């Protein structure tokens, strides 16, 4: 696995520090790049060609 993308657009009742803690947890656990992004954003960036 090269990266982990987490869609946080629907997470409610959490602030930016909560979201950063989630990203840090997964980065440490899996030792990969972790980003908060949606599937559509990944497609725009060219990370996903087809799904």
N, C-alpha and C. Protein backbone atom coordinates (compact mmCIF):
# COMPACT_ATOMS: atom_id res chain seq x y z
N UNK A 1 0.86 -1.17 0.00
CA UNK A 1 0.00 0.00 0.00
C UNK A 1 0.90 1.23 0.00
N UNK A 2 0.64 2.14 -0.92
CA UNK A 2 1.46 3.35 -1.04
C UNK A 2 0.88 4.53 -0.25
N UNK A 3 -0.43 4.61 -0.19
CA UNK A 3 -1.07 5.70 0.54
C UNK A 3 -2.44 5.27 1.03
N UNK A 4 -2.97 6.04 1.96
CA UNK A 4 -4.30 5.80 2.50
C UNK A 4 -5.06 7.12 2.41
N UNK A 5 -6.18 7.10 1.72
CA UNK A 5 -7.02 8.30 1.59
C UNK A 5 -8.27 8.11 2.44
N UNK A 6 -8.55 9.09 3.26
CA UNK A 6 -9.71 9.04 4.14
C UNK A 6 -10.62 10.20 3.80
N UNK A 7 -11.86 9.88 3.46
CA UNK A 7 -12.86 10.91 3.15
C UNK A 7 -13.47 11.38 4.47
N UNK A 8 -13.13 12.57 4.87
CA UNK A 8 -13.63 13.13 6.12
C UNK A 8 -14.72 14.17 5.89
N UNK A 9 -15.22 14.23 4.69
CA UNK A 9 -16.21 15.27 4.36
C UNK A 9 -17.53 15.08 5.09
N UNK A 10 -17.80 13.88 5.57
CA UNK A 10 -19.07 13.63 6.25
C UNK A 10 -18.92 13.44 7.76
N UNK A 11 -17.73 13.66 8.26
CA UNK A 11 -17.52 13.52 9.71
C UNK A 11 -18.10 14.74 10.40
N UNK A 12 -18.99 14.48 11.33
CA UNK A 12 -19.64 15.57 12.06
C UNK A 12 -19.16 15.59 13.51
N UNK A 13 -19.35 16.70 14.16
CA UNK A 13 -19.03 16.86 15.58
C UNK A 13 -17.56 16.63 15.89
N UNK A 14 -16.70 17.01 14.97
CA UNK A 14 -15.27 16.93 15.23
C UNK A 14 -14.60 18.16 14.64
N UNK A 15 -13.56 18.59 15.31
CA UNK A 15 -12.84 19.76 14.81
C UNK A 15 -11.58 19.31 14.08
N UNK A 16 -10.80 20.27 13.63
CA UNK A 16 -9.61 19.96 12.85
C UNK A 16 -8.60 19.13 13.65
N UNK A 17 -8.49 19.38 14.94
CA UNK A 17 -7.54 18.61 15.74
C UNK A 17 -7.97 17.14 15.84
N UNK A 18 -9.27 16.88 15.90
CA UNK A 18 -9.77 15.50 15.90
C UNK A 18 -9.41 14.80 14.58
N UNK A 19 -9.60 15.51 13.49
CA UNK A 19 -9.30 14.94 12.18
C UNK A 19 -7.80 14.69 12.02
N UNK A 20 -6.98 15.60 12.52
CA UNK A 20 -5.53 15.42 12.46
C UNK A 20 -5.11 14.21 13.30
N UNK A 21 -5.77 14.00 14.42
CA UNK A 21 -5.47 12.85 15.26
C UNK A 21 -5.80 11.54 14.53
N UNK A 22 -6.89 11.52 13.80
CA UNK A 22 -7.28 10.34 13.01
C UNK A 22 -6.22 10.07 11.94
N UNK A 23 -5.82 11.11 11.22
CA UNK A 23 -4.80 10.95 10.18
C UNK A 23 -3.48 10.46 10.77
N UNK A 24 -3.08 11.02 11.89
CA UNK A 24 -1.84 10.62 12.54
C UNK A 24 -1.89 9.16 12.98
N UNK A 25 -3.02 8.74 13.50
CA UNK A 25 -3.18 7.35 13.93
C UNK A 25 -2.92 6.39 12.77
N UNK A 26 -3.56 6.64 11.64
CA UNK A 26 -3.41 5.73 10.50
C UNK A 26 -2.01 5.82 9.88
N UNK A 27 -1.42 7.01 9.90
CA UNK A 27 -0.06 7.16 9.38
C UNK A 27 0.92 6.32 10.21
N UNK A 28 0.77 6.39 11.51
CA UNK A 28 1.65 5.62 12.40
C UNK A 28 1.37 4.12 12.28
N UNK A 29 0.12 3.75 12.22
CA UNK A 29 -0.25 2.33 12.17
C UNK A 29 0.22 1.65 10.89
N UNK A 30 0.04 2.31 9.74
CA UNK A 30 0.34 1.68 8.45
C UNK A 30 1.63 2.15 7.79
N UNK A 31 2.27 3.18 8.37
CA UNK A 31 3.56 3.68 7.86
C UNK A 31 3.49 4.07 6.38
N UNK A 32 2.41 4.73 6.00
CA UNK A 32 2.23 5.21 4.63
C UNK A 32 1.74 6.65 4.67
N UNK A 33 1.76 7.29 3.52
CA UNK A 33 1.20 8.63 3.40
C UNK A 33 -0.30 8.55 3.62
N UNK A 34 -0.82 9.44 4.44
CA UNK A 34 -2.25 9.48 4.73
C UNK A 34 -2.76 10.86 4.36
N UNK A 35 -3.88 10.91 3.66
CA UNK A 35 -4.44 12.20 3.26
C UNK A 35 -5.95 12.22 3.46
N UNK A 36 -6.44 13.38 3.80
CA UNK A 36 -7.87 13.59 3.93
C UNK A 36 -8.36 14.11 2.58
N UNK A 37 -9.03 13.26 1.84
CA UNK A 37 -9.49 13.63 0.51
C UNK A 37 -10.65 12.75 0.08
N UNK A 38 -11.40 13.21 -0.87
CA UNK A 38 -12.53 12.43 -1.38
C UNK A 38 -12.12 11.65 -2.63
N UNK A 39 -12.96 10.73 -3.03
CA UNK A 39 -12.71 9.96 -4.24
C UNK A 39 -12.63 10.89 -5.45
N UNK A 40 -13.51 11.86 -5.51
CA UNK A 40 -13.49 12.81 -6.63
C UNK A 40 -12.19 13.61 -6.66
N UNK A 41 -11.71 14.03 -5.51
CA UNK A 41 -10.45 14.78 -5.45
C UNK A 41 -9.28 13.91 -5.90
N UNK A 42 -9.31 12.62 -5.56
CA UNK A 42 -8.26 11.71 -6.00
C UNK A 42 -8.27 11.56 -7.52
N UNK A 43 -9.46 11.51 -8.09
CA UNK A 43 -9.58 11.41 -9.55
C UNK A 43 -9.01 12.65 -10.22
N UNK A 44 -9.34 13.83 -9.69
CA UNK A 44 -8.85 15.10 -10.25
C UNK A 44 -7.33 15.17 -10.18
N UNK A 45 -6.76 14.69 -9.08
CA UNK A 45 -5.30 14.72 -8.91
C UNK A 45 -4.60 13.65 -9.75
N UNK A 46 -5.37 12.75 -10.34
CA UNK A 46 -4.79 11.71 -11.17
C UNK A 46 -4.32 10.49 -10.40
N UNK A 47 -4.67 10.40 -9.13
CA UNK A 47 -4.27 9.26 -8.31
C UNK A 47 -5.12 8.03 -8.65
N UNK A 48 -6.32 8.27 -9.16
CA UNK A 48 -7.22 7.19 -9.55
C UNK A 48 -7.61 7.42 -11.01
N UNK A 49 -7.33 6.46 -11.85
CA UNK A 49 -7.65 6.60 -13.26
C UNK A 49 -9.04 6.06 -13.54
N UNK A 50 -9.34 4.90 -13.02
CA UNK A 50 -10.69 4.34 -13.17
C UNK A 50 -11.05 3.61 -11.90
N UNK A 51 -12.33 3.49 -11.66
CA UNK A 51 -12.80 2.85 -10.43
C UNK A 51 -13.88 1.87 -10.74
